[in-house]
Amino acid sequence: MSSQPPITPSVTPQGSTPTSQGNPPPSPQNAKNIYADERAIPDWDPAQPEQSLDQIYLYVLNEAAKSIHWYWANKGSKAFWSRLIRFVVWALAAVGGLMPIVGSLLARPQPQGSSLTNGLWPSLFLGVAAALLGLDKGFGFSSGWARYVLTATNIRKSLEEFRLDWTVLRAKAGSQLTPEGVAPLIERARQFRSDIESLVLQETKDWVTEFQSTMAQMEKDVAAQVSNLKAQVDKTIKEREAASQPGAIQLTIVNSAKAAAGSLKVTLLDSKGQSQQELVTGATWPKINVAPGQYQLTIEATINGQPFVDHKVLTVESGKMATPQVTL
């Protein structure tokens, strides 16, 4: 475990001279964790009760001050990111809400998709704003900022109460220290040190609870998104498979007997310009395994020595049969 030099408190016990002076606190920005100082743990010397009390007093004040410094210093980065994200979210929401109104007021011809009244733009801005809020929640910038400020304030409150209580107990102990006068002072210092650690522990528990809750919610959201994406992919695959199934054509020719023998023909022209021509020998012309799409049917025949031509445009759907009809 690494250690940090103790912090010199601003108040020392009345009527006493500290036996050791602390060093200035380390840069809070360089301290990633709060460590107890292993070099500053006091011992009780029965021969020097005044100096022993001074060491206890300085020790508990140094440790409390270290915690306060850490929380106030480390709240800065969380406050910065929290404010930045909240401001950007507010700006995006405002722009997303005002864009359709501004676009309607300007009412100028715009290229396809670039019009300010296009509903995709507000959706984009609001989507980014929602993503930033999720980022803030996931990394705990705003909640961490609030926890740090609250914890530092509570530690400061406990520190001031301890200083005043210590002064009262020290006055009651008198100039000649006795075991009965020293015991309340040591107990108050012990209780104060325990209270500070309890505040730090509670803040850590709050962070762990929030972290676990956020991770559980993120896992739930990701699982839901993966499930929705899988369902969409499966649906798309099925739609593509269904769209790729061939259809059929069943042409009905009314009065087909009027056509001269061998003159009745059907030409099928697809959208790519490819054509197929077949002779028709009956009243119907079936065609299977036809790819989905639009087609043109040309019916040709010779009736009483005169040519007959008719055109039909039809759409063949996947898995279905088109049933055009022509009358000679």
Protein backbone atom coordinates (compact mmCIF):
# COMPACT_ATOMS: atom_id res chain seq x y z
CA MET A 1 0.00 0.00 0.00
CA SER A 2 1.39 3.40 -0.93
CA SER A 3 1.33 6.21 1.63
CA GLN A 4 0.96 9.95 1.62
CA PRO A 5 2.53 12.52 3.98
CA PRO A 6 0.14 13.86 6.62
CA ILE A 7 -1.62 17.19 6.28
CA THR A 8 -0.92 19.86 8.86
CA PRO A 9 -4.25 20.91 10.41
CA SER A 10 -5.10 24.55 10.82
CA VAL A 11 -5.82 24.13 14.56
CA THR A 12 -3.67 22.53 17.29
CA PRO A 13 -4.70 21.76 20.86
CA GLN A 14 -4.58 24.71 23.20
CA GLY A 15 -1.72 24.73 25.63
CA SER A 16 0.25 22.08 23.78
CA THR A 17 3.10 21.92 21.34
CA PRO A 18 3.01 19.26 18.62
CA THR A 19 5.97 16.94 18.68
CA SER A 20 5.99 16.63 14.86
CA GLN A 21 4.95 18.80 11.98
CA GLY A 22 3.18 17.39 8.94
CA ASN A 23 4.07 18.07 5.35
CA PRO A 24 1.78 19.69 2.76
CA PRO A 25 -0.71 17.32 1.17
CA PRO A 26 0.21 15.65 -2.09
CA SER A 27 -1.37 16.91 -5.26
CA PRO A 28 -4.95 15.54 -5.12
CA GLN A 29 -4.99 15.19 -8.88
CA ASN A 30 -2.19 12.60 -8.64
CA ALA A 31 -3.96 10.50 -5.99
CA LYS A 32 -6.27 7.93 -7.53
CA ASN A 33 -7.27 6.46 -4.15
CA ILE A 34 -7.48 7.51 -0.52
CA TYR A 35 -4.72 5.84 1.50
CA ALA A 36 -4.20 5.83 5.26
CA ASP A 37 -0.78 7.19 6.21
CA GLU A 38 1.21 4.33 7.76
CA ARG A 39 3.86 6.71 9.11
CA ALA A 40 1.47 8.87 11.12
CA ILE A 41 -0.25 6.29 13.33
CA PRO A 42 0.26 7.61 16.90
CA ASP A 43 1.42 5.71 19.99
CA TRP A 44 0.49 6.45 23.57
CA ASP A 45 3.34 7.38 25.83
CA PRO A 46 2.24 7.47 29.52
CA ALA A 47 5.26 9.63 30.30
CA GLN A 48 4.20 12.29 27.79
CA PRO A 49 0.39 12.42 27.68
CA GLU A 50 0.30 15.96 26.24
CA GLN A 51 2.45 15.02 23.25
CA SER A 52 0.55 11.77 22.77
CA LEU A 53 -2.78 13.62 22.64
CA ASP A 54 -1.27 16.07 20.15
CA GLN A 55 -0.23 13.18 17.91
CA ILE A 56 -3.69 11.62 18.09
CA TYR A 57 -5.32 14.96 17.33
CA LEU A 58 -3.05 15.64 14.36
CA TYR A 59 -3.44 12.10 13.05
CA VAL A 60 -7.24 12.09 12.90
CA LEU A 61 -7.34 15.62 11.48
CA ASN A 62 -4.78 14.77 8.80
CA GLU A 63 -6.70 11.68 7.68
CA ALA A 64 -9.99 13.58 7.56
CA ALA A 65 -8.41 16.47 5.65
CA LYS A 66 -6.92 14.00 3.18
CA SER A 67 -10.38 12.59 2.44
CA ILE A 68 -11.85 16.06 2.02
CA HIS A 69 -9.05 17.12 -0.34
CA TRP A 70 -9.48 13.95 -2.39
CA TYR A 71 -13.21 14.38 -2.89
CA TRP A 72 -13.04 18.09 -3.69
CA ALA A 73 -10.16 17.55 -6.12
CA ASN A 74 -11.63 14.54 -7.94
CA LYS A 75 -15.09 16.04 -8.32
CA GLY A 76 -13.64 18.48 -10.85
CA SER A 77 -13.38 16.07 -13.79
CA LYS A 78 -16.82 14.63 -13.14
CA ALA A 79 -18.31 18.11 -12.86
CA PHE A 80 -16.68 19.13 -16.15
CA TRP A 81 -17.97 16.15 -18.12
CA SER A 82 -21.39 16.32 -16.48
CA ARG A 83 -21.82 20.00 -17.37
CA LEU A 84 -20.49 19.49 -20.90
CA ILE A 85 -22.77 16.53 -21.61
CA ARG A 86 -25.82 18.27 -20.14
CA PHE A 87 -25.14 21.40 -22.19
CA VAL A 88 -24.67 19.43 -25.43
CA VAL A 89 -27.84 17.42 -24.72
CA TRP A 90 -29.78 20.65 -24.13
CA ALA A 91 -28.38 22.18 -27.34
CA LEU A 92 -29.17 19.10 -29.43
CA ALA A 93 -32.71 18.87 -28.05
CA ALA A 94 -33.28 22.58 -28.72
CA VAL A 95 -31.91 22.40 -32.26
CA GLY A 96 -33.86 19.21 -32.98
CA GLY A 97 -37.09 20.84 -31.82
CA LEU A 98 -36.55 24.14 -33.64
CA MET A 99 -35.24 22.76 -36.93
CA PRO A 100 -38.65 21.85 -38.45
CA ILE A 101 -40.01 25.28 -37.50
CA VAL A 102 -37.02 27.11 -38.97
CA GLY A 103 -37.24 24.96 -42.10
CA SER A 104 -40.91 25.80 -42.54
CA LEU A 105 -40.21 29.52 -42.13
CA LEU A 106 -37.39 29.51 -44.68
CA ALA A 107 -39.40 27.35 -47.12
CA ARG A 108 -36.70 27.22 -49.79
CA PRO A 109 -36.28 24.36 -52.26
CA GLN A 110 -33.65 22.00 -50.92
CA PRO A 111 -31.97 18.91 -52.38
CA GLN A 112 -33.71 15.64 -51.62
CA GLY A 113 -33.27 14.73 -47.94
CA SER A 114 -31.51 17.97 -46.95
CA SER A 115 -34.63 19.99 -46.11
CA LEU A 116 -34.75 21.22 -42.54
CA THR A 117 -38.31 19.96 -42.30
CA ASN A 118 -37.13 16.40 -42.90
CA GLY A 119 -38.08 14.44 -39.78
CA LEU A 120 -34.81 12.50 -39.85
CA TRP A 121 -32.80 15.52 -38.68
CA PRO A 122 -34.63 15.98 -35.35
CA SER A 123 -34.48 12.22 -34.86
CA LEU A 124 -30.72 12.30 -35.40
CA PHE A 125 -30.17 15.13 -32.89
CA LEU A 126 -32.44 13.56 -30.28
CA GLY A 127 -30.78 10.19 -30.81
CA VAL A 128 -27.34 11.67 -30.18
CA ALA A 129 -28.70 13.48 -27.11
CA ALA A 130 -30.09 10.20 -25.75
CA ALA A 131 -26.75 8.49 -26.39
CA LEU A 132 -24.93 11.22 -24.45
CA LEU A 133 -27.33 10.83 -21.52
CA GLY A 134 -26.62 7.11 -21.57
CA LEU A 135 -22.88 7.88 -21.58
CA ASP A 136 -23.31 10.16 -18.57
CA LYS A 137 -25.28 7.49 -16.73
CA GLY A 138 -22.90 4.70 -17.70
CA PHE A 139 -19.77 6.52 -16.49
CA GLY A 140 -21.52 8.19 -13.56
CA PHE A 141 -20.33 11.74 -14.21
CA SER A 142 -23.35 13.56 -12.77
CA SER A 143 -24.09 11.06 -10.01
CA GLY A 144 -20.40 10.86 -9.04
CA TRP A 145 -20.15 14.62 -8.90
CA ALA A 146 -23.13 14.75 -6.53
CA ARG A 147 -21.74 11.90 -4.36
CA TYR A 148 -18.33 13.54 -4.05
CA VAL A 149 -19.74 16.93 -3.07
CA LEU A 150 -22.11 15.38 -0.54
CA THR A 151 -19.43 13.18 1.01
CA ALA A 152 -16.87 16.01 1.25
CA THR A 153 -19.49 18.24 2.88
CA ASN A 154 -20.40 15.57 5.43
CA ILE A 155 -16.74 14.99 6.26
CA ARG A 156 -16.27 18.73 6.71
CA LYS A 157 -19.27 18.81 9.04
CA SER A 158 -17.87 15.92 11.12
CA LEU A 159 -14.48 17.64 11.19
CA GLU A 160 -15.88 20.86 12.63
CA GLU A 161 -17.92 18.97 15.22
CA PHE A 162 -14.83 17.05 16.27
CA ARG A 163 -12.74 20.20 16.68
CA LEU A 164 -15.31 21.81 18.95
CA ASP A 165 -15.90 18.61 20.93
CA TRP A 166 -12.17 18.14 21.36
CA THR A 167 -11.83 21.69 22.70
CA VAL A 168 -14.62 21.06 25.23
CA LEU A 169 -13.15 17.72 26.37
CA ARG A 170 -9.66 19.18 26.56
CA ALA A 171 -10.92 21.99 28.77
CA LYS A 172 -12.66 19.50 31.05
CA ALA A 173 -9.47 17.42 31.33
CA GLY A 174 -7.61 20.38 32.92
CA SER A 175 -3.93 21.12 32.95
CA GLN A 176 -3.07 17.99 34.89
CA LEU A 177 -4.09 15.06 32.71
CA THR A 178 -5.50 11.98 34.42
CA PRO A 179 -6.64 8.67 32.94
CA GLU A 180 -10.26 9.75 33.55
CA GLY A 181 -9.68 12.99 31.60
CA VAL A 182 -7.70 11.39 28.77
CA ALA A 183 -10.11 8.52 28.06
CA PRO A 184 -12.96 10.72 26.66
CA LEU A 185 -10.49 12.50 24.37
CA ILE A 186 -9.13 9.26 22.93
CA GLU A 187 -12.66 7.85 22.57
CA ARG A 188 -13.81 10.99 20.76
CA ALA A 189 -10.84 10.77 18.38
CA ARG A 190 -11.59 7.09 17.76
CA GLN A 191 -15.24 7.83 17.07
CA PHE A 192 -14.36 10.68 14.72
CA ARG A 193 -11.92 8.53 12.76
CA SER A 194 -14.55 5.81 12.49
CA ASP A 195 -17.19 8.29 11.34
CA ILE A 196 -14.93 9.53 8.53
CA GLU A 197 -14.24 6.00 7.30
CA SER A 198 -17.96 5.23 7.49
CA LEU A 199 -18.72 8.19 5.23
CA VAL A 200 -16.09 7.05 2.72
CA LEU A 201 -17.39 3.48 2.92
CA GLN A 202 -20.98 4.61 2.35
CA GLU A 203 -19.94 6.61 -0.71
CA THR A 204 -18.11 3.56 -2.05
CA LYS A 205 -21.16 1.36 -1.44
CA ASP A 206 -23.35 3.88 -3.27
CA TRP A 207 -20.92 3.79 -6.19
CA VAL A 208 -20.89 -0.02 -6.27
CA THR A 209 -24.69 -0.17 -6.13
CA GLU A 210 -25.01 2.38 -8.94
CA PHE A 211 -22.33 0.62 -11.00
CA GLN A 212 -23.96 -2.78 -10.66
CA SER A 213 -27.38 -1.35 -11.44
CA THR A 214 -26.07 0.48 -14.51
CA MET A 215 -24.22 -2.61 -15.78
CA ALA A 216 -27.31 -4.78 -15.27
CA GLN A 217 -29.45 -2.28 -17.16
CA MET A 218 -26.87 -2.01 -19.95
CA GLU A 219 -26.72 -5.79 -20.29
CA LYS A 220 -30.51 -5.89 -20.40
CA ASP A 221 -30.66 -3.14 -23.04
CA VAL A 222 -27.93 -4.75 -25.14
CA ALA A 223 -29.64 -8.14 -24.94
CA ALA A 224 -32.92 -6.53 -26.02
CA GLN A 225 -31.22 -4.76 -28.93
CA VAL A 226 -29.47 -7.95 -30.01
CA SER A 227 -32.79 -9.81 -29.85
CA ASN A 228 -34.55 -7.11 -31.89
CA LEU A 229 -31.72 -7.04 -34.41
CA LYS A 230 -31.82 -10.83 -34.75
CA ALA A 231 -35.59 -10.71 -35.27
CA GLN A 232 -35.18 -8.01 -37.94
CA VAL A 233 -32.44 -10.00 -39.69
CA ASP A 234 -34.55 -13.15 -39.62
CA LYS A 235 -37.52 -11.21 -40.96
CA THR A 236 -35.43 -9.70 -43.74
CA ILE A 237 -34.05 -13.10 -44.70
CA LYS A 238 -37.54 -14.58 -44.82
CA GLU A 239 -38.82 -11.65 -46.88
CA ARG A 240 -35.94 -12.03 -49.31
CA GLU A 241 -36.50 -15.76 -49.55
CA ALA A 242 -40.21 -15.20 -50.11
CA ALA A 243 -39.51 -12.50 -52.71
CA SER A 244 -37.17 -14.82 -54.58
CA GLN A 245 -39.77 -17.58 -55.02
CA PRO A 246 -40.98 -17.83 -58.63
CA GLY A 247 -44.55 -17.13 -59.71
CA ALA A 248 -46.63 -18.30 -62.64
CA ILE A 249 -48.82 -17.03 -65.51
CA GLN A 250 -52.12 -18.56 -66.64
CA LEU A 251 -53.26 -16.81 -69.85
CA THR A 252 -56.86 -17.44 -70.88
CA ILE A 253 -57.70 -16.93 -74.56
CA VAL A 254 -61.39 -16.50 -75.29
CA ASN A 255 -62.49 -17.68 -78.75
CA SER A 256 -59.10 -19.26 -79.39
CA ALA A 257 -60.77 -21.46 -82.03
CA LYS A 258 -61.06 -18.43 -84.32
CA ALA A 259 -57.30 -18.38 -84.83
CA ALA A 260 -55.93 -20.14 -87.87
CA ALA A 261 -54.10 -23.30 -87.04
CA GLY A 262 -50.52 -22.64 -85.95
CA SER A 263 -50.97 -18.85 -85.99
CA LEU A 264 -51.67 -18.26 -82.29
CA LYS A 265 -48.48 -17.16 -80.58
CA VAL A 266 -47.60 -15.61 -77.21
CA THR A 267 -44.46 -13.54 -76.63
CA LEU A 268 -43.32 -12.87 -73.03
CA LEU A 269 -41.07 -9.82 -72.62
CA ASP A 270 -39.43 -9.15 -69.22
CA SER A 271 -38.10 -5.88 -67.77
CA LYS A 272 -34.57 -6.67 -69.00
CA GLY A 273 -35.69 -6.82 -72.60
CA GLN A 274 -35.43 -10.60 -72.90
CA SER A 275 -38.32 -12.28 -74.70
CA GLN A 276 -39.71 -15.80 -75.14
CA GLN A 277 -42.18 -16.79 -77.84
CA GLU A 278 -44.33 -19.91 -77.78
CA LEU A 279 -47.18 -21.37 -79.85
CA VAL A 280 -50.57 -21.78 -78.21
CA THR A 281 -52.61 -24.83 -79.10
CA GLY A 282 -55.54 -24.43 -76.73
CA ALA A 283 -57.67 -21.93 -74.82
CA THR A 284 -55.04 -21.42 -72.13
CA TRP A 285 -51.33 -20.77 -71.99
CA PRO A 286 -49.65 -21.75 -68.72
CA LYS A 287 -46.17 -20.61 -67.76
CA ILE A 288 -44.46 -21.70 -64.54
CA ASN A 289 -41.22 -20.73 -62.78
CA VAL A 290 -41.54 -17.09 -63.75
CA ALA A 291 -39.32 -14.70 -61.80
CA PRO A 292 -41.22 -11.96 -59.93
CA GLY A 293 -41.46 -8.69 -61.83
CA GLN A 294 -43.29 -6.85 -64.58
CA TYR A 295 -43.88 -8.44 -67.98
CA GLN A 296 -45.49 -7.63 -71.29
CA LEU A 297 -47.52 -10.27 -73.08
CA THR A 298 -48.01 -9.98 -76.82
CA ILE A 299 -50.71 -12.21 -78.31
CA GLU A 300 -50.58 -12.68 -82.08
CA ALA A 301 -52.92 -14.63 -84.33
CA THR A 302 -54.45 -14.77 -87.79
CA ILE A 303 -58.23 -14.56 -87.87
CA ASN A 304 -60.05 -14.89 -91.17
CA GLY A 305 -56.87 -13.99 -92.98
CA GLN A 306 -56.40 -10.80 -90.90
CA PRO A 307 -53.57 -10.33 -88.35
CA PHE A 308 -54.54 -9.91 -84.69
CA VAL A 309 -52.22 -8.38 -82.08
CA ASP A 310 -52.91 -7.55 -78.44
CA HIS A 311 -50.63 -6.47 -75.60
CA LYS A 312 -51.05 -7.08 -71.88
CA VAL A 313 -48.88 -5.68 -69.07
CA LEU A 314 -48.91 -7.74 -65.93
CA THR A 315 -47.05 -8.11 -62.66
CA VAL A 316 -45.94 -11.52 -61.44
CA GLU A 317 -45.71 -11.69 -57.65
CA SER A 318 -43.57 -14.12 -55.70
CA GLY A 319 -45.37 -17.42 -55.15
CA LYS A 320 -48.53 -16.23 -56.92
CA MET A 321 -50.16 -16.76 -60.30
CA ALA A 322 -51.09 -13.95 -62.69
CA THR A 323 -54.28 -14.67 -64.69
CA PRO A 324 -54.54 -12.32 -67.66
CA GLN A 325 -57.29 -12.79 -70.27
CA VAL A 326 -57.58 -11.84 -73.94
CA THR A 327 -60.49 -12.17 -76.37
CA LEU A 328 -59.88 -12.89 -80.05
